[in-house]
Amino acid sequence: MLHYAVVFLIIALIAAVFGFGGIAASAVGIAKVLFFIFAVLAIAGFIASLLRRS
């Protein structure tokens, strides 16, 4: 999931360089959503692994 967030961020940067503002804004929005989903899942997995050890 983090890979897809980075891919969309790179797409946004390339689109911004070429002047496609709407596409760049959309790609940044998608990258933000994917990153936050990744962060929530990573934290949940970390907490679950801590609870299993106990």
PDB file of N, CA and C in Angstrom:
ATOM      1  N   MET A   1       0.825  -1.187   0.000  1.00  0.00           N
ATOM      2  CA  MET A   1       0.000   0.000   0.000  1.00  0.00           C
ATOM      3  C   MET A   1       0.875   1.259   0.000  1.00  0.00           C
ATOM      4  N   LEU A   2       1.955   1.202   0.747  1.00  0.00           N
ATOM      5  CA  LEU A   2       2.859   2.349   0.765  1.00  0.00           C
ATOM      6  C   LEU A   2       3.471   2.560  -0.614  1.00  0.00           C
ATOM      7  N   HIS A   3       3.694   1.463  -1.323  1.00  0.00           N
ATOM      8  CA  HIS A   3       4.231   1.549  -2.684  1.00  0.00           C
ATOM      9  C   HIS A   3       3.289   2.348  -3.592  1.00  0.00           C
ATOM     10  N   TYR A   4       2.003   2.077  -3.498  1.00  0.00           N
ATOM     11  CA  TYR A   4       1.039   2.798  -4.325  1.00  0.00           C
ATOM     12  C   TYR A   4       0.968   4.280  -3.963  1.00  0.00           C
ATOM     13  N   ALA A   5       1.107   4.587  -2.688  1.00  0.00           N
ATOM     14  CA  ALA A   5       1.117   5.994  -2.268  1.00  0.00           C
ATOM     15  C   ALA A   5       2.303   6.726  -2.876  1.00  0.00           C
ATOM     16  N   VAL A   6       3.458   6.078  -2.875  1.00  0.00           N
ATOM     17  CA  VAL A   6       4.653   6.699  -3.469  1.00  0.00           C
ATOM     18  C   VAL A   6       4.487   6.841  -4.974  1.00  0.00           C
ATOM     19  N   VAL A   7       3.892   5.846  -5.621  1.00  0.00           N
ATOM     20  CA  VAL A   7       3.665   5.919  -7.071  1.00  0.00           C
ATOM     21  C   VAL A   7       2.756   7.101  -7.412  1.00  0.00           C
ATOM     22  N   PHE A   8       1.675   7.271  -6.667  1.00  0.00           N
ATOM     23  CA  PHE A   8       0.773   8.392  -6.942  1.00  0.00           C
ATOM     24  C   PHE A   8       1.438   9.729  -6.643  1.00  0.00           C
ATOM     25  N   LEU A   9       2.311   9.764  -5.644  1.00  0.00           N
ATOM     26  CA  LEU A   9       3.044  10.991  -5.352  1.00  0.00           C
ATOM     27  C   LEU A   9       3.982  11.344  -6.503  1.00  0.00           C
ATOM     28  N   ILE A  10       4.653  10.361  -7.059  1.00  0.00           N
ATOM     29  CA  ILE A  10       5.536  10.602  -8.210  1.00  0.00           C
ATOM     30  C   ILE A  10       4.733  11.048  -9.420  1.00  0.00           C
ATOM     31  N   ILE A  11       3.576  10.431  -9.636  1.00  0.00           N
ATOM     32  CA  ILE A  11       2.708  10.850 -10.738  1.00  0.00           C
ATOM     33  C   ILE A  11       2.282  12.299 -10.549  1.00  0.00           C
ATOM     34  N   ALA A  12       1.965  12.672  -9.322  1.00  0.00           N
ATOM     35  CA  ALA A  12       1.560  14.051  -9.038  1.00  0.00           C
ATOM     36  C   ALA A  12       2.699  15.026  -9.309  1.00  0.00           C
ATOM     37  N   LEU A  13       3.907  14.653  -8.920  1.00  0.00           N
ATOM     38  CA  LEU A  13       5.052  15.534  -9.170  1.00  0.00           C
ATOM     39  C   LEU A  13       5.311  15.711 -10.657  1.00  0.00           C
ATOM     40  N   ILE A  14       5.229  14.633 -11.408  1.00  0.00           N
ATOM     41  CA  ILE A  14       5.453  14.715 -12.859  1.00  0.00           C
ATOM     42  C   ILE A  14       4.340  15.537 -13.509  1.00  0.00           C
ATOM     43  N   ALA A  15       3.101  15.331 -13.091  1.00  0.00           N
ATOM     44  CA  ALA A  15       1.988  16.098 -13.653  1.00  0.00           C
ATOM     45  C   ALA A  15       2.125  17.581 -13.321  1.00  0.00           C
ATOM     46  N   ALA A  16       2.603  17.890 -12.111  1.00  0.00           N
ATOM     47  CA  ALA A  16       2.779  19.294 -11.731  1.00  0.00           C
ATOM     48  C   ALA A  16       3.874  19.957 -12.554  1.00  0.00           C
ATOM     49  N   VAL A  17       4.940  19.218 -12.840  1.00  0.00           N
ATOM     50  CA  VAL A  17       6.031  19.776 -13.653  1.00  0.00           C
ATOM     51  C   VAL A  17       5.538  20.115 -15.050  1.00  0.00           C
ATOM     52  N   PHE A  18       4.683  19.269 -15.614  1.00  0.00           N
ATOM     53  CA  PHE A  18       4.174  19.509 -16.962  1.00  0.00           C
ATOM     54  C   PHE A  18       2.957  20.424 -16.991  1.00  0.00           C
ATOM     55  N   GLY A  19       2.497  20.881 -15.835  1.00  0.00           N
ATOM     56  CA  GLY A  19       1.425  21.868 -15.799  1.00  0.00           C
ATOM     57  C   GLY A  19       0.023  21.315 -15.717  1.00  0.00           C
ATOM     58  N   PHE A  20      -0.130  20.058 -15.421  1.00  0.00           N
ATOM     59  CA  PHE A  20      -1.459  19.466 -15.289  1.00  0.00           C
ATOM     60  C   PHE A  20      -1.890  19.564 -13.833  1.00  0.00           C
ATOM     61  N   GLY A  21      -2.417  20.708 -13.441  1.00  0.00           N
ATOM     62  CA  GLY A  21      -2.745  20.967 -12.044  1.00  0.00           C
ATOM     63  C   GLY A  21      -3.855  20.092 -11.495  1.00  0.00           C
ATOM     64  N   GLY A  22      -4.892  19.854 -12.297  1.00  0.00           N
ATOM     65  CA  GLY A  22      -6.008  19.039 -11.830  1.00  0.00           C
ATOM     66  C   GLY A  22      -5.608  17.600 -11.589  1.00  0.00           C
ATOM     67  N   ILE A  23      -4.836  17.053 -12.506  1.00  0.00           N
ATOM     68  CA  ILE A  23      -4.365  15.673 -12.352  1.00  0.00           C
ATOM     69  C   ILE A  23      -3.424  15.574 -11.159  1.00  0.00           C
ATOM     70  N   ALA A  24      -2.573  16.574 -10.994  1.00  0.00           N
ATOM     71  CA  ALA A  24      -1.632  16.567  -9.874  1.00  0.00           C
ATOM     72  C   ALA A  24      -2.371  16.620  -8.546  1.00  0.00           C
ATOM     73  N   ALA A  25      -3.392  17.446  -8.453  1.00  0.00           N
ATOM     74  CA  ALA A  25      -4.159  17.559  -7.213  1.00  0.00           C
ATOM     75  C   ALA A  25      -4.888  16.256  -6.903  1.00  0.00           C
ATOM     76  N   SER A  26      -5.432  15.622  -7.921  1.00  0.00           N
ATOM     77  CA  SER A  26      -6.118  14.346  -7.712  1.00  0.00           C
ATOM     78  C   SER A  26      -5.148  13.264  -7.258  1.00  0.00           C
ATOM     79  N   ALA A  27      -3.983  13.205  -7.882  1.00  0.00           N
ATOM     80  CA  ALA A  27      -2.997  12.196  -7.522  1.00  0.00           C
ATOM     81  C   ALA A  27      -2.476  12.416  -6.101  1.00  0.00           C
ATOM     82  N   VAL A  28      -2.310  13.665  -5.698  1.00  0.00           N
ATOM     83  CA  VAL A  28      -1.876  13.947  -4.318  1.00  0.00           C
ATOM     84  C   VAL A  28      -2.955  13.517  -3.336  1.00  0.00           C
ATOM     85  N   GLY A  29      -4.209  13.763  -3.661  1.00  0.00           N
ATOM     86  CA  GLY A  29      -5.299  13.336  -2.788  1.00  0.00           C
ATOM     87  C   GLY A  29      -5.336  11.829  -2.621  1.00  0.00           C
ATOM     88  N   ILE A  30      -5.158  11.108  -3.704  1.00  0.00           N
ATOM     89  CA  ILE A  30      -5.136   9.643  -3.638  1.00  0.00           C
ATOM     90  C   ILE A  30      -3.942   9.175  -2.817  1.00  0.00           C
ATOM     91  N   ALA A  31      -2.788   9.801  -3.024  1.00  0.00           N
ATOM     92  CA  ALA A  31      -1.588   9.422  -2.270  1.00  0.00           C
ATOM     93  C   ALA A  31      -1.784   9.659  -0.774  1.00  0.00           C
ATOM     94  N   LYS A  32      -2.437  10.749  -0.402  1.00  0.00           N
ATOM     95  CA  LYS A  32      -2.702  11.026   1.016  1.00  0.00           C
ATOM     96  C   LYS A  32      -3.598   9.956   1.623  1.00  0.00           C
ATOM     97  N   VAL A  33      -4.656   9.612   0.929  1.00  0.00           N
ATOM     98  CA  VAL A  33      -5.588   8.608   1.437  1.00  0.00           C
ATOM     99  C   VAL A  33      -4.879   7.266   1.607  1.00  0.00           C
ATOM    100  N   LEU A  34      -4.111   6.857   0.610  1.00  0.00           N
ATOM    101  CA  LEU A  34      -3.408   5.583   0.696  1.00  0.00           C
ATOM    102  C   LEU A  34      -2.387   5.583   1.819  1.00  0.00           C
ATOM    103  N   PHE A  35      -1.703   6.707   2.021  1.00  0.00           N
ATOM    104  CA  PHE A  35      -0.717   6.776   3.086  1.00  0.00           C
ATOM    105  C   PHE A  35      -1.377   6.662   4.457  1.00  0.00           C
ATOM    106  N   PHE A  36      -2.513   7.335   4.652  1.00  0.00           N
ATOM    107  CA  PHE A  36      -3.190   7.259   5.942  1.00  0.00           C
ATOM    108  C   PHE A  36      -3.757   5.864   6.195  1.00  0.00           C
ATOM    109  N   ILE A  37      -4.247   5.212   5.160  1.00  0.00           N
ATOM    110  CA  ILE A  37      -4.706   3.827   5.321  1.00  0.00           C
ATOM    111  C   ILE A  37      -3.534   2.936   5.707  1.00  0.00           C
ATOM    112  N   PHE A  38      -2.385   3.128   5.046  1.00  0.00           N
ATOM    113  CA  PHE A  38      -1.194   2.358   5.384  1.00  0.00           C
ATOM    114  C   PHE A  38      -0.782   2.600   6.828  1.00  0.00           C
ATOM    115  N   ALA A  39      -0.790   3.866   7.266  1.00  0.00           N
ATOM    116  CA  ALA A  39      -0.371   4.193   8.628  1.00  0.00           C
ATOM    117  C   ALA A  39      -1.296   3.535   9.653  1.00  0.00           C
ATOM    118  N   VAL A  40      -2.600   3.582   9.422  1.00  0.00           N
ATOM    119  CA  VAL A  40      -3.556   2.971  10.349  1.00  0.00           C
ATOM    120  C   VAL A  40      -3.349   1.460  10.403  1.00  0.00           C
ATOM    121  N   LEU A  41      -3.173   0.827   9.261  1.00  0.00           N
ATOM    122  CA  LEU A  41      -2.966  -0.624   9.239  1.00  0.00           C
ATOM    123  C   LEU A  41      -1.636  -1.007   9.883  1.00  0.00           C
ATOM    124  N   ALA A  42      -0.603  -0.195   9.685  1.00  0.00           N
ATOM    125  CA  ALA A  42       0.694  -0.481  10.297  1.00  0.00           C
ATOM    126  C   ALA A  42       0.612  -0.369  11.809  1.00  0.00           C
ATOM    127  N   ILE A  43      -0.057   0.649  12.316  1.00  0.00           N
ATOM    128  CA  ILE A  43      -0.211   0.811  13.765  1.00  0.00           C
ATOM    129  C   ILE A  43      -1.058  -0.322  14.339  1.00  0.00           C
ATOM    130  N   ALA A  44      -2.127  -0.692  13.643  1.00  0.00           N
ATOM    131  CA  ALA A  44      -2.971  -1.798  14.114  1.00  0.00           C
ATOM    132  C   ALA A  44      -2.183  -3.105  14.139  1.00  0.00           C
ATOM    133  N   GLY A  45      -1.365  -3.340  13.148  1.00  0.00           N
ATOM    134  CA  GLY A  45      -0.540  -4.549  13.127  1.00  0.00           C
ATOM    135  C   GLY A  45       0.498  -4.546  14.229  1.00  0.00           C
ATOM    136  N   PHE A  46       1.055  -3.402  14.514  1.00  0.00           N
ATOM    137  CA  PHE A  46       2.044  -3.287  15.586  1.00  0.00           C
ATOM    138  C   PHE A  46       1.401  -3.564  16.943  1.00  0.00           C
ATOM    139  N   ILE A  47       0.237  -3.010  17.166  1.00  0.00           N
ATOM    140  CA  ILE A  47      -0.479  -3.228  18.424  1.00  0.00           C
ATOM    141  C   ILE A  47      -0.902  -4.698  18.547  1.00  0.00           C
ATOM    142  N   ALA A  48      -1.359  -5.286  17.453  1.00  0.00           N
ATOM    143  CA  ALA A  48      -1.765  -6.696  17.480  1.00  0.00           C
ATOM    144  C   ALA A  48      -0.582  -7.602  17.786  1.00  0.00           C
ATOM    145  N   SER A  49       0.588  -7.300  17.254  1.00  0.00           N
ATOM    146  CA  SER A  49       1.757  -8.117  17.540  1.00  0.00           C
ATOM    147  C   SER A  49       2.202  -7.960  18.991  1.00  0.00           C
ATOM    148  N   LEU A  50       2.030  -6.774  19.554  1.00  0.00           N
ATOM    149  CA  LEU A  50       2.357  -6.581  20.962  1.00  0.00           C
ATOM    150  C   LEU A  50       1.403  -7.355  21.868  1.00  0.00           C
ATOM    151  N   LEU A  51       0.120  -7.387  21.499  1.00  0.00           N
ATOM    152  CA  LEU A  51      -0.867  -8.094  22.309  1.00  0.00           C
ATOM    153  C   LEU A  51      -0.689  -9.619  22.222  1.00  0.00           C
ATOM    154  N   ARG A  52      -0.194 -10.111  21.105  1.00  0.00           N
ATOM    155  CA  ARG A  52       0.010 -11.557  20.960  1.00  0.00           C
ATOM    156  C   ARG A  52       1.170 -12.044  21.815  1.00  0.00           C
ATOM    157  N   ARG A  53       2.164 -11.210  22.016  1.00  0.00           N
ATOM    158  CA  ARG A  53       3.320 -11.603  22.813  1.00  0.00           C
ATOM    159  C   ARG A  53       2.973 -11.764  24.290  1.00  0.00           C
ATOM    160  N   SER A  54       1.969 -11.059  24.729  1.00  0.00           N
ATOM    161  CA  SER A  54       1.615 -11.085  26.162  1.00  0.00           C
ATOM    162  C   SER A  54       0.937 -12.363  26.589  1.00  0.00           C
TER     163      SER A  54
END
